[in-house]
Amino acid sequence: MPEPLFSTPGLYQYVRHPLYLGILIMFWCTPAMTHDHLFFAEVMTAYILVGAWFEERDLRRRFGKVYGKYQNTVPMLLPFTKRRKKPK
């Protein structure tokens, strides 16, 4: 079976981890933030960030320079925070 090609469909053109971003929005955007919920949101945010770091390490190993270029042009979690470099 051939290796899958690297592609960036839909929201992946704006953030590298749109699913993680959606989960973080659910954790942090609540009508009432209790101490327990704040602790939960903080711990889960740290968990997601560590997981994203390991995932990106594996993706960089698998796709090499293609993924490195993607990392340099697309922000990890917050859209529109990196200036997009024009391709040459």
PDB file of N, CA and C in Angstrom:
ATOM      1  N   MET A   1       0.843  -1.180   0.000  1.00  0.00           N
ATOM      2  CA  MET A   1       0.000   0.000   0.000  1.00  0.00           C
ATOM      3  C   MET A   1       0.893   1.249   0.000  1.00  0.00           C
ATOM      4  N   PRO A   2       0.640   2.200  -0.882  1.00  0.00           N
ATOM      5  CA  PRO A   2       1.502   3.390  -0.947  1.00  0.00           C
ATOM      6  C   PRO A   2       1.300   4.316   0.248  1.00  0.00           C
ATOM      7  N   GLU A   3       2.354   5.070   0.571  1.00  0.00           N
ATOM      8  CA  GLU A   3       2.288   6.048   1.662  1.00  0.00           C
ATOM      9  C   GLU A   3       1.284   7.147   1.303  1.00  0.00           C
ATOM     10  N   PRO A   4       0.478   7.609   2.271  1.00  0.00           N
ATOM     11  CA  PRO A   4      -0.448   8.712   1.975  1.00  0.00           C
ATOM     12  C   PRO A   4       0.329  10.006   1.734  1.00  0.00           C
ATOM     13  N   LEU A   5      -0.202  10.831   0.855  1.00  0.00           N
ATOM     14  CA  LEU A   5       0.412  12.122   0.577  1.00  0.00           C
ATOM     15  C   LEU A   5      -0.027  13.131   1.624  1.00  0.00           C
ATOM     16  N   PHE A   6       0.823  14.103   1.901  1.00  0.00           N
ATOM     17  CA  PHE A   6       0.483  15.151   2.851  1.00  0.00           C
ATOM     18  C   PHE A   6      -0.430  16.156   2.172  1.00  0.00           C
ATOM     19  N   SER A   7      -1.571  16.479   2.797  1.00  0.00           N
ATOM     20  CA  SER A   7      -2.493  17.477   2.251  1.00  0.00           C
ATOM     21  C   SER A   7      -3.077  18.300   3.387  1.00  0.00           C
ATOM     22  N   THR A   8      -3.594  19.468   3.039  1.00  0.00           N
ATOM     23  CA  THR A   8      -4.160  20.378   4.045  1.00  0.00           C
ATOM     24  C   THR A   8      -5.565  20.804   3.622  1.00  0.00           C
ATOM     25  N   PRO A   9      -6.551  19.933   3.784  1.00  0.00           N
ATOM     26  CA  PRO A   9      -7.911  20.303   3.398  1.00  0.00           C
ATOM     27  C   PRO A   9      -8.591  21.192   4.437  1.00  0.00           C
ATOM     28  N   GLY A  10      -9.541  21.970   3.996  1.00  0.00           N
ATOM     29  CA  GLY A  10     -10.405  22.747   4.896  1.00  0.00           C
ATOM     30  C   GLY A  10      -9.683  23.608   5.901  1.00  0.00           C
ATOM     31  N   LEU A  11     -10.023  23.409   7.177  1.00  0.00           N
ATOM     32  CA  LEU A  11      -9.477  24.231   8.257  1.00  0.00           C
ATOM     33  C   LEU A  11      -7.984  24.038   8.482  1.00  0.00           C
ATOM     34  N   TYR A  12      -7.420  22.964   7.954  1.00  0.00           N
ATOM     35  CA  TYR A  12      -5.991  22.716   8.121  1.00  0.00           C
ATOM     36  C   TYR A  12      -5.139  23.745   7.373  1.00  0.00           C
ATOM     37  N   GLN A  13      -5.762  24.581   6.558  1.00  0.00           N
ATOM     38  CA  GLN A  13      -5.047  25.668   5.900  1.00  0.00           C
ATOM     39  C   GLN A  13      -4.863  26.852   6.847  1.00  0.00           C
ATOM     40  N   TYR A  14      -5.612  26.875   7.946  1.00  0.00           N
ATOM     41  CA  TYR A  14      -5.574  28.002   8.882  1.00  0.00           C
ATOM     42  C   TYR A  14      -4.921  27.654  10.219  1.00  0.00           C
ATOM     43  N   VAL A  15      -5.093  26.417  10.681  1.00  0.00           N
ATOM     44  CA  VAL A  15      -4.439  25.933  11.902  1.00  0.00           C
ATOM     45  C   VAL A  15      -4.033  24.479  11.683  1.00  0.00           C
ATOM     46  N   ARG A  16      -2.941  24.087  12.329  1.00  0.00           N
ATOM     47  CA  ARG A  16      -2.450  22.718  12.148  1.00  0.00           C
ATOM     48  C   ARG A  16      -3.276  21.702  12.931  1.00  0.00           C
ATOM     49  N   HIS A  17      -3.988  22.141  13.959  1.00  0.00           N
ATOM     50  CA  HIS A  17      -4.767  21.217  14.800  1.00  0.00           C
ATOM     51  C   HIS A  17      -6.175  21.783  15.046  1.00  0.00           C
ATOM     52  N   PRO A  18      -7.038  21.801  14.031  1.00  0.00           N
ATOM     53  CA  PRO A  18      -8.371  22.378  14.234  1.00  0.00           C
ATOM     54  C   PRO A  18      -9.237  21.596  15.216  1.00  0.00           C
ATOM     55  N   LEU A  19      -9.055  20.289  15.307  1.00  0.00           N
ATOM     56  CA  LEU A  19      -9.848  19.505  16.271  1.00  0.00           C
ATOM     57  C   LEU A  19      -9.459  19.856  17.698  1.00  0.00           C
ATOM     58  N   TYR A  20      -8.164  19.993  17.943  1.00  0.00           N
ATOM     59  CA  TYR A  20      -7.711  20.388  19.275  1.00  0.00           C
ATOM     60  C   TYR A  20      -8.215  21.784  19.621  1.00  0.00           C
ATOM     61  N   LEU A  21      -8.207  22.674  18.652  1.00  0.00           N
ATOM     62  CA  LEU A  21      -8.709  24.028  18.884  1.00  0.00           C
ATOM     63  C   LEU A  21     -10.180  23.990  19.290  1.00  0.00           C
ATOM     64  N   GLY A  22     -10.986  23.183  18.613  1.00  0.00           N
ATOM     65  CA  GLY A  22     -12.398  23.061  18.969  1.00  0.00           C
ATOM     66  C   GLY A  22     -12.599  22.527  20.373  1.00  0.00           C
ATOM     67  N   ILE A  23     -11.803  21.548  20.752  1.00  0.00           N
ATOM     68  CA  ILE A  23     -11.902  20.998  22.102  1.00  0.00           C
ATOM     69  C   ILE A  23     -11.517  22.047  23.139  1.00  0.00           C
ATOM     70  N   LEU A  24     -10.440  22.795  22.881  1.00  0.00           N
ATOM     71  CA  LEU A  24     -10.021  23.843  23.821  1.00  0.00           C
ATOM     72  C   LEU A  24     -11.080  24.931  23.950  1.00  0.00           C
ATOM     73  N   ILE A  25     -11.732  25.283  22.859  1.00  0.00           N
ATOM     74  CA  ILE A  25     -12.809  26.276  22.921  1.00  0.00           C
ATOM     75  C   ILE A  25     -13.936  25.764  23.810  1.00  0.00           C
ATOM     76  N   MET A  26     -14.268  24.478  23.686  1.00  0.00           N
ATOM     77  CA  MET A  26     -15.320  23.911  24.544  1.00  0.00           C
ATOM     78  C   MET A  26     -14.925  23.959  26.011  1.00  0.00           C
ATOM     79  N   PHE A  27     -13.654  23.694  26.314  1.00  0.00           N
ATOM     80  CA  PHE A  27     -13.209  23.713  27.707  1.00  0.00           C
ATOM     81  C   PHE A  27     -13.229  25.115  28.305  1.00  0.00           C
ATOM     82  N   TRP A  28     -12.828  26.117  27.517  1.00  0.00           N
ATOM     83  CA  TRP A  28     -12.621  27.456  28.063  1.00  0.00           C
ATOM     84  C   TRP A  28     -13.824  28.394  27.927  1.00  0.00           C
ATOM     85  N   CYS A  29     -14.738  28.130  27.008  1.00  0.00           N
ATOM     86  CA  CYS A  29     -15.883  29.031  26.806  1.00  0.00           C
ATOM     87  C   CYS A  29     -17.115  28.477  27.500  1.00  0.00           C
ATOM     88  N   THR A  30     -17.201  28.716  28.772  1.00  0.00           N
ATOM     89  CA  THR A  30     -18.347  28.264  29.548  1.00  0.00           C
ATOM     90  C   THR A  30     -19.019  29.469  30.186  1.00  0.00           C
ATOM     91  N   PRO A  31     -20.324  29.391  30.417  1.00  0.00           N
ATOM     92  CA  PRO A  31     -21.018  30.530  31.020  1.00  0.00           C
ATOM     93  C   PRO A  31     -20.590  30.813  32.454  1.00  0.00           C
ATOM     94  N   ALA A  32     -20.197  29.769  33.185  1.00  0.00           N
ATOM     95  CA  ALA A  32     -19.747  29.956  34.571  1.00  0.00           C
ATOM     96  C   ALA A  32     -18.499  29.112  34.780  1.00  0.00           C
ATOM     97  N   MET A  33     -17.403  29.770  35.129  1.00  0.00           N
ATOM     98  CA  MET A  33     -16.129  29.069  35.327  1.00  0.00           C
ATOM     99  C   MET A  33     -15.906  28.847  36.823  1.00  0.00           C
ATOM    100  N   THR A  34     -16.130  27.627  37.272  1.00  0.00           N
ATOM    101  CA  THR A  34     -15.880  27.306  38.676  1.00  0.00           C
ATOM    102  C   THR A  34     -14.389  26.986  38.862  1.00  0.00           C
ATOM    103  N   HIS A  35     -13.959  26.889  40.090  1.00  0.00           N
ATOM    104  CA  HIS A  35     -12.563  26.537  40.358  1.00  0.00           C
ATOM    105  C   HIS A  35     -12.230  25.149  39.806  1.00  0.00           C
ATOM    106  N   ASP A  36     -13.174  24.235  39.974  1.00  0.00           N
ATOM    107  CA  ASP A  36     -12.958  22.880  39.472  1.00  0.00           C
ATOM    108  C   ASP A  36     -12.852  22.861  37.948  1.00  0.00           C
ATOM    109  N   HIS A  37     -13.743  23.615  37.295  1.00  0.00           N
ATOM    110  CA  HIS A  37     -13.703  23.651  35.834  1.00  0.00           C
ATOM    111  C   HIS A  37     -12.429  24.342  35.345  1.00  0.00           C
ATOM    112  N   LEU A  38     -11.986  25.372  36.026  1.00  0.00           N
ATOM    113  CA  LEU A  38     -10.745  26.052  35.670  1.00  0.00           C
ATOM    114  C   LEU A  38      -9.569  25.083  35.764  1.00  0.00           C
ATOM    115  N   PHE A  39      -9.498  24.325  36.838  1.00  0.00           N
ATOM    116  CA  PHE A  39      -8.433  23.337  36.990  1.00  0.00           C
ATOM    117  C   PHE A  39      -8.492  22.300  35.871  1.00  0.00           C
ATOM    118  N   PHE A  40      -9.688  21.812  35.579  1.00  0.00           N
ATOM    119  CA  PHE A  40      -9.885  20.844  34.501  1.00  0.00           C
ATOM    120  C   PHE A  40      -9.408  21.418  33.168  1.00  0.00           C
ATOM    121  N   ALA A  41      -9.801  22.660  32.861  1.00  0.00           N
ATOM    122  CA  ALA A  41      -9.418  23.285  31.598  1.00  0.00           C
ATOM    123  C   ALA A  41      -7.905  23.457  31.510  1.00  0.00           C
ATOM    124  N   GLU A  42      -7.274  23.840  32.597  1.00  0.00           N
ATOM    125  CA  GLU A  42      -5.818  24.012  32.602  1.00  0.00           C
ATOM    126  C   GLU A  42      -5.091  22.686  32.364  1.00  0.00           C
ATOM    127  N   VAL A  43      -5.515  21.648  33.076  1.00  0.00           N
ATOM    128  CA  VAL A  43      -4.867  20.341  32.937  1.00  0.00           C
ATOM    129  C   VAL A  43      -5.089  19.776  31.536  1.00  0.00           C
ATOM    130  N   MET A  44      -6.293  19.891  31.014  1.00  0.00           N
ATOM    131  CA  MET A  44      -6.575  19.362  29.685  1.00  0.00           C
ATOM    132  C   MET A  44      -5.851  20.157  28.601  1.00  0.00           C
ATOM    133  N   THR A  45      -5.690  21.462  28.805  1.00  0.00           N
ATOM    134  CA  THR A  45      -4.931  22.272  27.849  1.00  0.00           C
ATOM    135  C   THR A  45      -3.479  21.801  27.814  1.00  0.00           C
ATOM    136  N   ALA A  46      -2.897  21.574  28.973  1.00  0.00           N
ATOM    137  CA  ALA A  46      -1.522  21.071  29.034  1.00  0.00           C
ATOM    138  C   ALA A  46      -1.424  19.699  28.366  1.00  0.00           C
ATOM    139  N   TYR A  47      -2.388  18.845  28.607  1.00  0.00           N
ATOM    140  CA  TYR A  47      -2.401  17.506  28.010  1.00  0.00           C
ATOM    141  C   TYR A  47      -2.460  17.587  26.488  1.00  0.00           C
ATOM    142  N   ILE A  48      -3.317  18.450  25.970  1.00  0.00           N
ATOM    143  CA  ILE A  48      -3.454  18.608  24.525  1.00  0.00           C
ATOM    144  C   ILE A  48      -2.180  19.186  23.917  1.00  0.00           C
ATOM    145  N   LEU A  49      -1.564  20.159  24.574  1.00  0.00           N
ATOM    146  CA  LEU A  49      -0.336  20.752  24.048  1.00  0.00           C
ATOM    147  C   LEU A  49       0.809  19.735  24.002  1.00  0.00           C
ATOM    148  N   VAL A  50       0.914  18.915  25.032  1.00  0.00           N
ATOM    149  CA  VAL A  50       1.954  17.877  25.029  1.00  0.00           C
ATOM    150  C   VAL A  50       1.666  16.856  23.926  1.00  0.00           C
ATOM    151  N   GLY A  51       0.411  16.458  23.806  1.00  0.00           N
ATOM    152  CA  GLY A  51       0.039  15.520  22.747  1.00  0.00           C
ATOM    153  C   GLY A  51       0.294  16.081  21.359  1.00  0.00           C
ATOM    154  N   ALA A  52      -0.001  17.355  21.150  1.00  0.00           N
ATOM    155  CA  ALA A  52       0.243  17.990  19.856  1.00  0.00           C
ATOM    156  C   ALA A  52       1.735  18.042  19.561  1.00  0.00           C
ATOM    157  N   TRP A  53       2.557  18.277  20.587  1.00  0.00           N
ATOM    158  CA  TRP A  53       4.002  18.308  20.383  1.00  0.00           C
ATOM    159  C   TRP A  53       4.506  16.950  19.889  1.00  0.00           C
ATOM    160  N   PHE A  54       4.044  15.862  20.537  1.00  0.00           N
ATOM    161  CA  PHE A  54       4.450  14.520  20.110  1.00  0.00           C
ATOM    162  C   PHE A  54       3.915  14.192  18.721  1.00  0.00           C
ATOM    163  N   GLU A  55       2.678  14.587  18.438  1.00  0.00           N
ATOM    164  CA  GLU A  55       2.103  14.330  17.123  1.00  0.00           C
ATOM    165  C   GLU A  55       2.890  15.057  16.037  1.00  0.00           C
ATOM    166  N   GLU A  56       3.253  16.308  16.288  1.00  0.00           N
ATOM    167  CA  GLU A  56       4.011  17.072  15.299  1.00  0.00           C
ATOM    168  C   GLU A  56       5.402  16.486  15.092  1.00  0.00           C
ATOM    169  N   ARG A  57       6.012  15.991  16.152  1.00  0.00           N
ATOM    170  CA  ARG A  57       7.312  15.345  16.023  1.00  0.00           C
ATOM    171  C   ARG A  57       7.210  14.141  15.087  1.00  0.00           C
ATOM    172  N   ASP A  58       6.157  13.333  15.267  1.00  0.00           N
ATOM    173  CA  ASP A  58       5.969  12.163  14.408  1.00  0.00           C
ATOM    174  C   ASP A  58       5.661  12.563  12.971  1.00  0.00           C
ATOM    175  N   LEU A  59       4.844  13.600  12.784  1.00  0.00           N
ATOM    176  CA  LEU A  59       4.522  14.055  11.437  1.00  0.00           C
ATOM    177  C   LEU A  59       5.750  14.618  10.727  1.00  0.00           C
ATOM    178  N   ARG A  60       6.585  15.326  11.468  1.00  0.00           N
ATOM    179  CA  ARG A  60       7.820  15.863  10.881  1.00  0.00           C
ATOM    180  C   ARG A  60       8.732  14.723  10.449  1.00  0.00           C
ATOM    181  N   ARG A  61       8.785  13.676  11.272  1.00  0.00           N
ATOM    182  CA  ARG A  61       9.599  12.504  10.935  1.00  0.00           C
ATOM    183  C   ARG A  61       9.044  11.790   9.699  1.00  0.00           C
ATOM    184  N   ARG A  62       7.721  11.739   9.583  1.00  0.00           N
ATOM    185  CA  ARG A  62       7.100  11.003   8.474  1.00  0.00           C
ATOM    186  C   ARG A  62       7.133  11.773   7.163  1.00  0.00           C
ATOM    187  N   PHE A  63       6.833  13.095   7.213  1.00  0.00           N
ATOM    188  CA  PHE A  63       6.719  13.868   5.976  1.00  0.00           C
ATOM    189  C   PHE A  63       7.910  14.779   5.701  1.00  0.00           C
ATOM    190  N   GLY A  64       8.812  14.923   6.658  1.00  0.00           N
ATOM    191  CA  GLY A  64      10.051  15.661   6.439  1.00  0.00           C
ATOM    192  C   GLY A  64       9.875  17.143   6.141  1.00  0.00           C
ATOM    193  N   LYS A  65      10.546  17.601   5.089  1.00  0.00           N
ATOM    194  CA  LYS A  65      10.569  19.022   4.750  1.00  0.00           C
ATOM    195  C   LYS A  65       9.191  19.578   4.403  1.00  0.00           C
ATOM    196  N   VAL A  66       8.325  18.742   3.858  1.00  0.00           N
ATOM    197  CA  VAL A  66       6.979  19.205   3.502  1.00  0.00           C
ATOM    198  C   VAL A  66       6.231  19.654   4.758  1.00  0.00           C
ATOM    199  N   TYR A  67       6.322  18.846   5.813  1.00  0.00           N
ATOM    200  CA  TYR A  67       5.637  19.218   7.056  1.00  0.00           C
ATOM    201  C   TYR A  67       6.343  20.381   7.744  1.00  0.00           C
ATOM    202  N   GLY A  68       7.664  20.439   7.633  1.00  0.00           N
ATOM    203  CA  GLY A  68       8.405  21.567   8.201  1.00  0.00           C
ATOM    204  C   GLY A  68       7.985  22.885   7.574  1.00  0.00           C
ATOM    205  N   LYS A  69       7.789  22.882   6.269  1.00  0.00           N
ATOM    206  CA  LYS A  69       7.313  24.088   5.581  1.00  0.00           C
ATOM    207  C   LYS A  69       5.908  24.452   6.058  1.00  0.00           C
ATOM    208  N   TYR A  70       5.068  23.440   6.237  1.00  0.00           N
ATOM    209  CA  TYR A  70       3.709  23.650   6.742  1.00  0.00           C
ATOM    210  C   TYR A  70       3.751  24.250   8.148  1.00  0.00           C
ATOM    211  N   GLN A  71       4.646  23.747   9.007  1.00  0.00           N
ATOM    212  CA  GLN A  71       4.790  24.292  10.357  1.00  0.00           C
ATOM    213  C   GLN A  71       5.217  25.763  10.324  1.00  0.00           C
ATOM    214  N   ASN A  72       6.043  26.119   9.370  1.00  0.00           N
ATOM    215  CA  ASN A  72       6.537  27.493   9.285  1.00  0.00           C
ATOM    216  C   ASN A  72       5.510  28.472   8.742  1.00  0.00           C
ATOM    217  N   THR A  73       4.490  27.984   8.059  1.00  0.00           N
ATOM    218  CA  THR A  73       3.514  28.887   7.440  1.00  0.00           C
ATOM    219  C   THR A  73       2.147  28.888   8.110  1.00  0.00           C
ATOM    220  N   VAL A  74       1.810  27.826   8.845  1.00  0.00           N
ATOM    221  CA  VAL A  74       0.472  27.717   9.444  1.00  0.00           C
ATOM    222  C   VAL A  74       0.626  27.628  10.966  1.00  0.00           C
ATOM    223  N   PRO A  75      -0.121  28.457  11.724  1.00  0.00           N
ATOM    224  CA  PRO A  75      -0.012  28.416  13.185  1.00  0.00           C
ATOM    225  C   PRO A  75      -0.548  27.102  13.761  1.00  0.00           C
ATOM    226  N   MET A  76      -0.077  26.779  14.951  1.00  0.00           N
ATOM    227  CA  MET A  76      -0.446  25.518  15.577  1.00  0.00           C
ATOM    228  C   MET A  76      -1.905  25.498  16.025  1.00  0.00           C
ATOM    229  N   LEU A  77      -2.334  26.480  16.807  1.00  0.00           N
ATOM    230  CA  LEU A  77      -3.693  26.462  17.355  1.00  0.00           C
ATOM    231  C   LEU A  77      -4.475  27.758  17.143  1.00  0.00           C
ATOM    232  N   LEU A  78      -3.824  28.875  17.101  1.00  0.00           N
ATOM    233  CA  LEU A  78      -4.530  30.151  16.992  1.00  0.00           C
ATOM    234  C   LEU A  78      -4.460  30.676  15.559  1.00  0.00           C
ATOM    235  N   PRO A  79      -5.586  30.652  14.846  1.00  0.00           N
ATOM    236  CA  PRO A  79      -5.557  31.087  13.447  1.00  0.00           C
ATOM    237  C   PRO A  79      -5.162  32.557  13.329  1.00  0.00           C
ATOM    238  N   PHE A  80      -4.546  32.857  12.212  1.00  0.00           N
ATOM    239  CA  PHE A  80      -4.173  34.227  11.836  1.00  0.00           C
ATOM    240  C   PHE A  80      -3.133  34.844  12.767  1.00  0.00           C
ATOM    241  N   THR A  81      -2.338  34.033  13.481  1.00  0.00           N
ATOM    242  CA  THR A  81      -1.308  34.584  14.341  1.00  0.00           C
ATOM    243  C   THR A  81       0.075  34.526  13.697  1.00  0.00           C
ATOM    244  N   LYS A  82       0.211  33.796  12.619  1.00  0.00           N
ATOM    245  CA  LYS A  82       1.481  33.721  11.883  1.00  0.00           C
ATOM    246  C   LYS A  82       1.301  34.391  10.547  1.00  0.00           C
ATOM    247  N   ARG A  83       2.293  35.120  10.158  1.00  0.00           N
ATOM    248  CA  ARG A  83       2.255  35.738   8.836  1.00  0.00           C
ATOM    249  C   ARG A  83       2.552  34.657   7.803  1.00  0.00           C
ATOM    250  N   ARG A  84       1.643  34.498   6.865  1.00  0.00           N
ATOM    251  CA  ARG A  84       1.809  33.483   5.832  1.00  0.00           C
ATOM    252  C   ARG A  84       2.897  33.916   4.865  1.00  0.00           C
ATOM    253  N   LYS A  85       3.840  33.021   4.625  1.00  0.00           N
ATOM    254  CA  LYS A  85       4.922  33.304   3.690  1.00  0.00           C
ATOM    255  C   LYS A  85       4.454  32.959   2.294  1.00  0.00           C
ATOM    256  N   LYS A  86       4.752  33.816   1.358  1.00  0.00           N
ATOM    257  CA  LYS A  86       4.376  33.561  -0.025  1.00  0.00           C
ATOM    258  C   LYS A  86       5.313  32.524  -0.627  1.00  0.00           C
ATOM    259  N   PRO A  87       4.744  31.543  -1.332  1.00  0.00           N
ATOM    260  CA  PRO A  87       5.624  30.542  -1.955  1.00  0.00           C
ATOM    261  C   PRO A  87       6.421  31.170  -3.091  1.00  0.00           C
ATOM    262  N   LYS A  88       7.654  30.690  -3.257  1.00  0.00           N
ATOM    263  CA  LYS A  88       8.533  31.225  -4.308  1.00  0.00           C
ATOM    264  C   LYS A  88       8.359  30.464  -5.584  1.00  0.00           C
TER     265      LYS A  88
END
